[in-house]
Each structure stands twice: as C-alpha cells, then as structure tokens.
Protein backbone atom coordinates (compact mmCIF):
# COMPACT_ATOMS: atom_id res chain seq x y z
CA MET A 1 85.03 -79.37 -10.53
CA GLY A 2 88.12 -79.87 -7.84
CA ILE A 3 86.58 -82.75 -6.20
CA LEU A 4 85.88 -84.81 -10.03
CA ARG A 5 89.38 -83.67 -10.72
CA ILE A 6 90.45 -86.72 -8.04
CA LEU A 7 87.75 -89.13 -8.07
CA LEU A 8 87.16 -89.40 -12.35
CA PRO A 9 89.75 -90.14 -14.77
CA THR A 10 90.34 -87.33 -17.40
CA PRO A 11 88.24 -89.26 -20.28
CA MET A 12 86.04 -89.57 -17.83
CA ARG A 13 85.25 -85.68 -16.98
CA ARG A 14 85.38 -85.20 -20.64
CA ARG A 15 82.72 -87.07 -21.33
CA ILE A 16 80.63 -85.85 -18.28
CA ARG A 17 81.45 -81.79 -19.76
CA THR A 18 80.49 -83.14 -23.23
CA LEU A 19 77.11 -84.29 -21.86
CA GLU A 20 76.38 -81.21 -20.36
CA ALA A 21 77.02 -79.51 -23.16
CA ARG A 22 74.62 -81.63 -25.21
CA LEU A 23 72.10 -81.26 -22.63
CA GLU A 24 72.15 -77.20 -22.40
CA LEU A 25 71.58 -77.39 -26.45
CA LEU A 26 68.60 -79.86 -25.87
CA ALA A 27 67.41 -77.49 -23.31
CA ILE A 28 67.58 -74.54 -26.02
CA ARG A 29 65.94 -76.45 -28.90
CA VAL A 30 63.20 -77.43 -26.84
CA ASP A 31 62.62 -73.84 -26.00
CA GLN A 32 63.07 -72.96 -29.32
CA LEU A 33 60.41 -75.64 -30.47
CA GLU A 34 57.88 -74.62 -28.38
CA ALA A 35 58.13 -70.92 -29.04
CA ILE A 36 57.21 -71.97 -32.60
CA LEU A 37 54.40 -74.01 -31.84
CA GLU A 38 53.00 -71.08 -29.30
CA ALA A 39 53.19 -68.95 -32.23
CA GLU A 40 51.35 -71.58 -34.80
CA PHE A 41 49.01 -72.47 -32.39
CA PRO A 42 46.11 -72.28 -33.57
CA ASP A 43 47.17 -72.85 -37.07
CA PRO A 44 43.91 -72.30 -39.51
CA LEU A 45 43.05 -75.76 -40.06
CA SER A 46 42.33 -76.16 -36.17
CA LYS A 47 41.04 -72.93 -35.47
CA ASP A 48 38.56 -73.87 -38.44
CA LYS A 49 37.71 -76.88 -36.77
CA LEU A 50 37.23 -75.11 -33.50
CA SER A 51 34.51 -72.66 -35.04
CA GLU A 52 32.74 -75.40 -36.37
CA ALA A 53 32.51 -76.75 -32.40
CA VAL A 54 30.94 -73.60 -31.34
CA GLY A 55 28.25 -74.93 -28.98
CA ASN A 56 29.65 -77.91 -28.50
CA PHE A 57 30.57 -79.47 -24.73
CA MET A 58 34.43 -79.58 -24.67
CA THR A 59 37.17 -80.13 -22.17
CA VAL A 60 40.35 -78.06 -22.04
CA THR A 61 43.70 -79.05 -20.22
CA ILE A 62 45.74 -76.33 -18.99
CA GLY A 63 48.70 -77.63 -17.39
CA GLU A 64 47.15 -79.46 -14.88
CA ALA A 65 44.10 -77.94 -14.53
CA VAL A 66 40.71 -78.97 -16.72
CA ILE A 67 38.00 -76.72 -17.90
CA GLN A 68 34.63 -77.98 -19.08
CA GLY A 69 32.45 -76.36 -20.39
CA THR A 70 30.39 -74.72 -23.86
CA LEU A 71 32.38 -73.31 -26.31
CA VAL A 72 31.09 -69.88 -26.97
CA SER A 73 33.67 -68.45 -29.54
CA VAL A 74 36.75 -68.64 -30.96
CA GLU A 75 38.91 -65.55 -31.13
CA SER A 76 41.97 -64.35 -32.79
CA ASP A 77 44.60 -65.43 -29.49
CA PHE A 78 41.60 -67.05 -26.94
CA LEU A 79 38.60 -69.70 -26.71
CA GLU A 80 35.70 -68.43 -24.52
CA LEU A 81 33.71 -71.08 -23.01
CA LYS A 82 30.83 -70.88 -20.46
CA ASP A 83 31.57 -73.39 -17.89
CA ILE A 84 29.37 -75.98 -15.82
CA ARG A 85 28.21 -73.51 -13.45
CA GLY A 86 27.29 -71.00 -16.18
CA HIS A 87 30.04 -68.58 -15.48
CA PRO A 88 32.23 -66.95 -18.98
CA VAL A 89 36.02 -68.52 -18.76
CA ILE A 90 38.32 -66.85 -21.28
CA ILE A 91 41.34 -69.60 -21.89
CA PRO A 92 44.52 -67.91 -24.27
CA PHE A 93 45.94 -70.65 -26.60
CA GLN A 94 49.06 -70.22 -25.64
CA ARG A 95 48.06 -71.85 -22.14
CA ILE A 96 46.13 -74.89 -23.81
CA SER A 97 47.64 -78.21 -23.43
CA SER A 98 44.98 -80.31 -24.93
CA ILE A 99 41.28 -79.85 -26.39
CA SER A 100 38.73 -82.97 -26.60
CA PHE A 101 34.83 -82.76 -27.09
C-alpha cells in the first residue's frame, strides 16, 4: 500500500479499499449460494423428472467434461449412466453443471 499512498490521492485509495471489501463480500455470498444450491439439488421435482427419464439417452456436463449415455438409475446423491461404450458411470449430483436429453 506504500506506493499507492504516493501515487493515488486519499479519496481514490478509500474507494479502492471499499471496492476490495465489496468484492470480498461478494465472493463470500457466491460461496454461500453455491453451497445452498448444492444442498438443494436435485430438488424432489427434478429428481422425479430424472427418474421418469430412466432408459433415455442424456448428456451430463461436469465442469469442462461432457458425459453421454443412457440413464440407468437415479439414486439419493448420484446418477448412474451407461456410457456410449457400455461402461457404467456414477456421477455425484454435486458435480453436475447441466443435464440435457
């Protein structure tokens, strides 16, 4: 912060500190919201819809990875697919970014 005292006027330094504090608060709020979403996914309605889709071909996105296969079962905390090569794949709900049919 020493060089900032020389280069920036006091109001600008205050504004930077305020923005840094707001950014930290936003990061905390995002972490909290992600934890809430993870705890609530899948909600009962989504789980019912997934259960109705057993036997259907689907695409599951996990971060950058894409897994395609046939939905075999919907368990309490994971999906089981049979991938296009016929191998079983277990996917925890908390890792899933998106699902499409």
